[in-house]
């Protein structure tokens, strides 16, 4: 049993994984609650977006030997099929967003 106020390095791998999972679930909830935040905004500011999370989810599943499709991974991140989310919530990129995105790519951004 982990003591209250135990140093992070003393909590154990299983507890660390549970905390990581809880934080990831909270991130997905936060993104779901803020659909107004467009993927291009995330890419400009943080160099990742919901699609990146879907790719990382798929890669983790592949590493674990779990067979899921790209679309299934995206649906986990978006909370619905990507095509549905895109039709309901994705807005066309503004000229300003495109300029900022291009500037970000020119500054050494890597996919």
N, C-alpha and C. Protein backbone atom coordinates (compact mmCIF):
# COMPACT_ATOMS: atom_id res chain seq x y z
N UNK A 1 0.85 -1.18 0.00
CA UNK A 1 0.00 0.00 0.00
C UNK A 1 0.89 1.24 0.00
N UNK A 2 0.55 2.20 -0.81
CA UNK A 2 1.32 3.43 -0.91
C UNK A 2 0.94 4.38 0.22
N UNK A 3 1.95 4.96 0.82
CA UNK A 3 1.71 5.92 1.88
C UNK A 3 1.28 7.25 1.30
N UNK A 4 0.48 7.97 2.07
CA UNK A 4 0.13 9.33 1.68
C UNK A 4 1.40 10.16 1.69
N UNK A 5 1.54 11.01 0.66
CA UNK A 5 2.70 11.88 0.51
C UNK A 5 3.98 11.12 0.21
N UNK A 6 3.86 9.89 -0.31
CA UNK A 6 5.06 9.14 -0.70
C UNK A 6 5.68 9.80 -1.92
N UNK A 7 7.00 9.81 -2.01
CA UNK A 7 7.64 10.37 -3.21
C UNK A 7 7.17 9.63 -4.45
N UNK A 8 7.06 10.35 -5.56
CA UNK A 8 6.54 9.78 -6.79
C UNK A 8 7.30 8.52 -7.19
N UNK A 9 8.61 8.50 -7.03
CA UNK A 9 9.37 7.33 -7.42
C UNK A 9 9.05 6.10 -6.57
N UNK A 10 8.36 6.27 -5.45
CA UNK A 10 8.03 5.15 -4.56
C UNK A 10 6.62 4.61 -4.75
N UNK A 11 5.88 5.10 -5.74
CA UNK A 11 4.47 4.68 -5.83
C UNK A 11 4.28 3.36 -6.56
N UNK A 12 5.24 2.91 -7.30
CA UNK A 12 5.13 1.64 -7.99
C UNK A 12 4.60 1.79 -9.40
N UNK A 13 4.98 0.84 -10.25
CA UNK A 13 4.61 0.90 -11.67
C UNK A 13 3.10 0.81 -11.90
N UNK A 14 2.42 -0.05 -11.17
CA UNK A 14 0.98 -0.21 -11.38
C UNK A 14 0.23 1.07 -11.02
N UNK A 15 0.61 1.69 -9.92
CA UNK A 15 -0.02 2.95 -9.52
C UNK A 15 0.32 4.06 -10.50
N UNK A 16 1.58 4.11 -10.95
CA UNK A 16 1.98 5.11 -11.94
C UNK A 16 1.18 4.96 -13.22
N UNK A 17 1.00 3.73 -13.67
CA UNK A 17 0.21 3.47 -14.88
C UNK A 17 -1.24 3.89 -14.68
N UNK A 18 -1.80 3.62 -13.51
CA UNK A 18 -3.18 4.02 -13.22
C UNK A 18 -3.31 5.55 -13.23
N UNK A 19 -2.34 6.24 -12.66
CA UNK A 19 -2.36 7.70 -12.68
C UNK A 19 -2.24 8.23 -14.11
N UNK A 20 -1.32 7.65 -14.88
CA UNK A 20 -1.15 8.06 -16.28
C UNK A 20 -2.45 7.87 -17.05
N UNK A 21 -3.11 6.75 -16.84
CA UNK A 21 -4.38 6.47 -17.52
C UNK A 21 -5.45 7.48 -17.12
N UNK A 22 -5.51 7.81 -15.84
CA UNK A 22 -6.50 8.78 -15.37
C UNK A 22 -6.26 10.15 -16.00
N UNK A 23 -5.00 10.54 -16.11
CA UNK A 23 -4.67 11.83 -16.71
C UNK A 23 -5.04 11.83 -18.19
N UNK A 24 -4.76 10.74 -18.89
CA UNK A 24 -5.10 10.63 -20.29
C UNK A 24 -6.62 10.72 -20.48
N UNK A 25 -7.37 10.03 -19.63
CA UNK A 25 -8.83 10.09 -19.72
C UNK A 25 -9.31 11.51 -19.47
N UNK A 26 -8.69 12.21 -18.55
CA UNK A 26 -9.07 13.61 -18.28
C UNK A 26 -8.72 14.50 -19.46
N UNK A 27 -7.60 14.25 -20.12
CA UNK A 27 -7.24 15.00 -21.32
C UNK A 27 -8.30 14.80 -22.41
N UNK A 28 -8.71 13.56 -22.63
CA UNK A 28 -9.75 13.30 -23.63
C UNK A 28 -11.05 14.00 -23.27
N UNK A 29 -11.42 13.98 -21.99
CA UNK A 29 -12.63 14.67 -21.54
C UNK A 29 -12.50 16.17 -21.78
N UNK A 30 -11.35 16.72 -21.47
CA UNK A 30 -11.12 18.16 -21.66
C UNK A 30 -11.23 18.53 -23.14
N UNK A 31 -10.61 17.75 -24.01
CA UNK A 31 -10.71 18.02 -25.44
C UNK A 31 -12.15 17.90 -25.92
N UNK A 32 -12.88 16.92 -25.38
CA UNK A 32 -14.28 16.75 -25.76
C UNK A 32 -15.13 17.94 -25.31
N UNK A 33 -14.80 18.50 -24.17
CA UNK A 33 -15.53 19.66 -23.65
C UNK A 33 -15.16 20.95 -24.38
N UNK A 34 -14.09 20.91 -25.16
CA UNK A 34 -13.62 22.10 -25.87
C UNK A 34 -13.45 21.82 -27.36
N UNK A 35 -14.56 21.42 -27.96
CA UNK A 35 -14.55 21.13 -29.39
C UNK A 35 -14.27 22.38 -30.22
N UNK A 36 -14.44 23.54 -29.62
CA UNK A 36 -14.14 24.78 -30.34
C UNK A 36 -12.64 24.93 -30.61
N UNK A 37 -11.83 24.21 -29.86
CA UNK A 37 -10.39 24.23 -30.09
C UNK A 37 -10.12 23.32 -31.28
N UNK A 38 -9.69 23.92 -32.35
CA UNK A 38 -9.47 23.19 -33.58
C UNK A 38 -8.12 22.49 -33.57
N UNK A 39 -8.02 21.42 -34.33
CA UNK A 39 -6.75 20.69 -34.40
C UNK A 39 -5.61 21.58 -34.87
N UNK A 40 -5.88 22.47 -35.80
CA UNK A 40 -4.80 23.35 -36.28
C UNK A 40 -4.30 24.25 -35.15
N UNK A 41 -5.19 24.67 -34.26
CA UNK A 41 -4.77 25.47 -33.10
C UNK A 41 -3.82 24.65 -32.21
N UNK A 42 -4.18 23.41 -31.98
CA UNK A 42 -3.33 22.54 -31.18
C UNK A 42 -1.97 22.32 -31.85
N UNK A 43 -1.99 22.12 -33.16
CA UNK A 43 -0.73 21.91 -33.88
C UNK A 43 0.16 23.15 -33.80
N UNK A 44 -0.44 24.32 -33.95
CA UNK A 44 0.33 25.55 -33.89
C UNK A 44 0.95 25.74 -32.51
N UNK A 45 0.17 25.51 -31.49
CA UNK A 45 0.63 25.79 -30.12
C UNK A 45 1.43 24.66 -29.49
N UNK A 46 1.06 23.40 -29.80
CA UNK A 46 1.64 22.30 -29.04
C UNK A 46 2.31 21.22 -29.90
N UNK A 47 2.26 21.38 -31.21
CA UNK A 47 2.86 20.40 -32.12
C UNK A 47 2.20 19.02 -32.03
N UNK A 48 0.97 18.95 -31.58
CA UNK A 48 0.20 17.72 -31.64
C UNK A 48 -1.27 18.10 -31.68
N UNK A 49 -2.09 17.14 -32.12
CA UNK A 49 -3.53 17.37 -32.16
C UNK A 49 -4.26 16.07 -31.86
N UNK A 50 -5.55 16.09 -31.99
CA UNK A 50 -6.34 14.89 -31.73
C UNK A 50 -5.92 13.75 -32.66
N UNK A 51 -5.61 14.07 -33.91
CA UNK A 51 -5.18 13.03 -34.85
C UNK A 51 -3.86 12.41 -34.40
N UNK A 52 -2.96 13.21 -33.88
CA UNK A 52 -1.70 12.68 -33.34
C UNK A 52 -1.99 11.71 -32.20
N UNK A 53 -2.88 12.10 -31.31
CA UNK A 53 -3.24 11.20 -30.21
C UNK A 53 -3.78 9.89 -30.75
N UNK A 54 -4.59 9.95 -31.81
CA UNK A 54 -5.11 8.73 -32.42
C UNK A 54 -3.99 7.86 -32.98
N UNK A 55 -3.01 8.49 -33.62
CA UNK A 55 -1.86 7.74 -34.15
C UNK A 55 -1.06 7.11 -33.01
N UNK A 56 -0.87 7.85 -31.93
CA UNK A 56 -0.12 7.32 -30.79
C UNK A 56 -0.89 6.17 -30.13
N UNK A 57 -2.21 6.30 -30.07
CA UNK A 57 -3.06 5.25 -29.51
C UNK A 57 -2.93 3.98 -30.35
N UNK A 58 -2.99 4.13 -31.66
CA UNK A 58 -2.85 3.00 -32.58
C UNK A 58 -1.48 2.37 -32.43
N UNK A 59 -0.44 3.17 -32.35
CA UNK A 59 0.92 2.64 -32.19
C UNK A 59 1.05 1.85 -30.88
N UNK A 60 0.47 2.36 -29.81
CA UNK A 60 0.52 1.66 -28.52
C UNK A 60 -0.23 0.33 -28.61
N UNK A 61 -1.37 0.34 -29.29
CA UNK A 61 -2.13 -0.90 -29.47
C UNK A 61 -1.30 -1.90 -30.29
N UNK A 62 -0.68 -1.43 -31.35
CA UNK A 62 0.15 -2.31 -32.18
C UNK A 62 1.28 -2.92 -31.35
N UNK A 63 1.94 -2.09 -30.54
CA UNK A 63 3.03 -2.58 -29.69
C UNK A 63 2.54 -3.62 -28.68
N UNK A 64 1.28 -3.49 -28.26
CA UNK A 64 0.71 -4.43 -27.29
C UNK A 64 0.10 -5.65 -27.98
N UNK A 65 0.19 -5.69 -29.33
CA UNK A 65 -0.37 -6.82 -30.06
C UNK A 65 -1.88 -6.77 -30.18
N UNK A 66 -2.45 -5.58 -30.03
CA UNK A 66 -3.92 -5.40 -30.13
C UNK A 66 -4.23 -4.88 -31.51
N UNK A 67 -5.08 -5.57 -32.21
CA UNK A 67 -5.41 -5.23 -33.60
C UNK A 67 -6.58 -4.26 -33.64
N UNK A 68 -6.28 -2.99 -33.84
CA UNK A 68 -7.32 -1.98 -34.05
C UNK A 68 -6.98 -1.20 -35.31
N UNK A 69 -8.00 -0.63 -35.91
CA UNK A 69 -7.79 0.17 -37.11
C UNK A 69 -7.48 1.61 -36.73
N UNK A 70 -6.99 2.36 -37.70
CA UNK A 70 -6.77 3.79 -37.49
C UNK A 70 -8.06 4.47 -37.08
N UNK A 71 -9.16 4.10 -37.74
CA UNK A 71 -10.46 4.71 -37.44
C UNK A 71 -10.93 4.39 -36.03
N UNK A 72 -10.69 3.17 -35.58
CA UNK A 72 -11.06 2.81 -34.20
C UNK A 72 -10.24 3.62 -33.20
N UNK A 73 -8.97 3.82 -33.49
CA UNK A 73 -8.12 4.62 -32.60
C UNK A 73 -8.61 6.06 -32.57
N UNK A 74 -8.90 6.62 -33.73
CA UNK A 74 -9.41 8.00 -33.78
C UNK A 74 -10.74 8.12 -33.04
N UNK A 75 -11.61 7.15 -33.20
CA UNK A 75 -12.92 7.20 -32.52
C UNK A 75 -12.73 7.21 -31.00
N UNK A 76 -11.72 6.52 -30.52
CA UNK A 76 -11.44 6.54 -29.07
C UNK A 76 -11.07 7.95 -28.63
N UNK A 77 -10.31 8.64 -29.44
CA UNK A 77 -9.86 9.99 -29.10
C UNK A 77 -10.99 11.00 -29.27
N UNK A 78 -11.72 10.91 -30.37
CA UNK A 78 -12.77 11.88 -30.67
C UNK A 78 -14.09 11.59 -29.97
N UNK A 79 -14.26 10.37 -29.47
CA UNK A 79 -15.52 10.01 -28.82
C UNK A 79 -16.63 9.71 -29.82
N UNK A 80 -16.28 9.62 -31.08
CA UNK A 80 -17.21 9.32 -32.17
C UNK A 80 -16.36 9.08 -33.41
N UNK A 81 -16.95 8.57 -34.47
CA UNK A 81 -16.16 8.43 -35.70
C UNK A 81 -15.60 9.79 -36.12
N UNK A 82 -14.35 9.78 -36.60
CA UNK A 82 -13.69 11.01 -37.00
C UNK A 82 -14.50 11.77 -38.04
N UNK A 83 -15.06 11.06 -39.00
CA UNK A 83 -15.84 11.73 -40.05
C UNK A 83 -17.02 12.49 -39.47
N UNK A 84 -17.64 11.93 -38.45
CA UNK A 84 -18.77 12.60 -37.78
C UNK A 84 -18.29 13.85 -37.04
N UNK A 85 -17.19 13.72 -36.28
CA UNK A 85 -16.64 14.87 -35.55
C UNK A 85 -16.27 15.97 -36.53
N UNK A 86 -15.61 15.59 -37.63
CA UNK A 86 -15.16 16.57 -38.62
C UNK A 86 -16.35 17.32 -39.21
N UNK A 87 -17.41 16.60 -39.53
CA UNK A 87 -18.61 17.23 -40.12
C UNK A 87 -19.29 18.16 -39.13
N UNK A 88 -19.30 17.79 -37.86
CA UNK A 88 -20.00 18.59 -36.85
C UNK A 88 -19.19 19.76 -36.31
N UNK A 89 -17.88 19.57 -36.14
CA UNK A 89 -17.11 20.52 -35.34
C UNK A 89 -15.92 21.18 -36.04
N UNK A 90 -15.39 20.56 -37.08
CA UNK A 90 -14.19 21.15 -37.69
C UNK A 90 -14.57 22.34 -38.55
N UNK A 91 -13.89 23.43 -38.31
CA UNK A 91 -14.09 24.66 -39.06
C UNK A 91 -12.97 24.81 -40.09
N UNK A 92 -13.25 25.49 -41.19
CA UNK A 92 -12.15 25.76 -42.13
C UNK A 92 -11.08 26.60 -41.44
N UNK A 93 -9.84 26.32 -41.76
CA UNK A 93 -8.73 27.09 -41.19
C UNK A 93 -8.79 28.52 -41.70
N UNK A 94 -8.54 29.45 -40.80
CA UNK A 94 -8.50 30.86 -41.19
C UNK A 94 -7.16 31.15 -41.85
N UNK A 95 -7.09 32.27 -42.53
CA UNK A 95 -5.83 32.69 -43.15
C UNK A 95 -4.74 32.84 -42.09
N UNK A 96 -5.11 33.38 -40.93
CA UNK A 96 -4.15 33.56 -39.84
C UNK A 96 -3.64 32.22 -39.32
N UNK A 97 -4.53 31.25 -39.19
CA UNK A 97 -4.12 29.92 -38.73
C UNK A 97 -3.16 29.29 -39.73
N UNK A 98 -3.47 29.41 -41.01
CA UNK A 98 -2.61 28.83 -42.03
C UNK A 98 -1.22 29.47 -42.04
N UNK A 99 -1.16 30.78 -41.87
CA UNK A 99 0.13 31.47 -41.80
C UNK A 99 0.92 30.99 -40.58
N UNK A 100 0.25 30.91 -39.44
CA UNK A 100 0.92 30.45 -38.22
C UNK A 100 1.38 28.99 -38.35
N UNK A 101 0.56 28.16 -38.96
CA UNK A 101 0.91 26.75 -39.15
C UNK A 101 2.11 26.63 -40.09
N UNK A 102 2.10 27.37 -41.18
CA UNK A 102 3.22 27.34 -42.11
C UNK A 102 4.50 27.84 -41.44
N UNK A 103 4.38 28.87 -40.62
CA UNK A 103 5.54 29.39 -39.90
C UNK A 103 6.08 28.34 -38.94
N UNK A 104 5.19 27.62 -38.29
CA UNK A 104 5.58 26.57 -37.36
C UNK A 104 6.34 25.46 -38.09
N UNK A 105 5.81 25.06 -39.25
CA UNK A 105 6.48 24.03 -40.05
C UNK A 105 7.86 24.51 -40.48
N UNK A 106 7.96 25.78 -40.85
CA UNK A 106 9.23 26.34 -41.29
C UNK A 106 10.24 26.46 -40.18
N UNK A 107 9.76 26.39 -38.93
CA UNK A 107 10.66 26.53 -37.78
C UNK A 107 11.19 25.17 -37.30
N UNK A 108 11.06 24.16 -38.14
CA UNK A 108 11.63 22.86 -37.79
C UNK A 108 10.66 21.86 -37.22
N UNK A 109 9.37 22.09 -37.35
CA UNK A 109 8.37 21.15 -36.86
C UNK A 109 8.50 19.83 -37.60
N UNK A 110 8.38 18.72 -36.86
CA UNK A 110 8.43 17.40 -37.47
C UNK A 110 7.17 16.63 -37.11
N UNK A 111 6.66 15.87 -38.05
CA UNK A 111 5.49 15.01 -37.80
C UNK A 111 5.92 13.70 -37.17
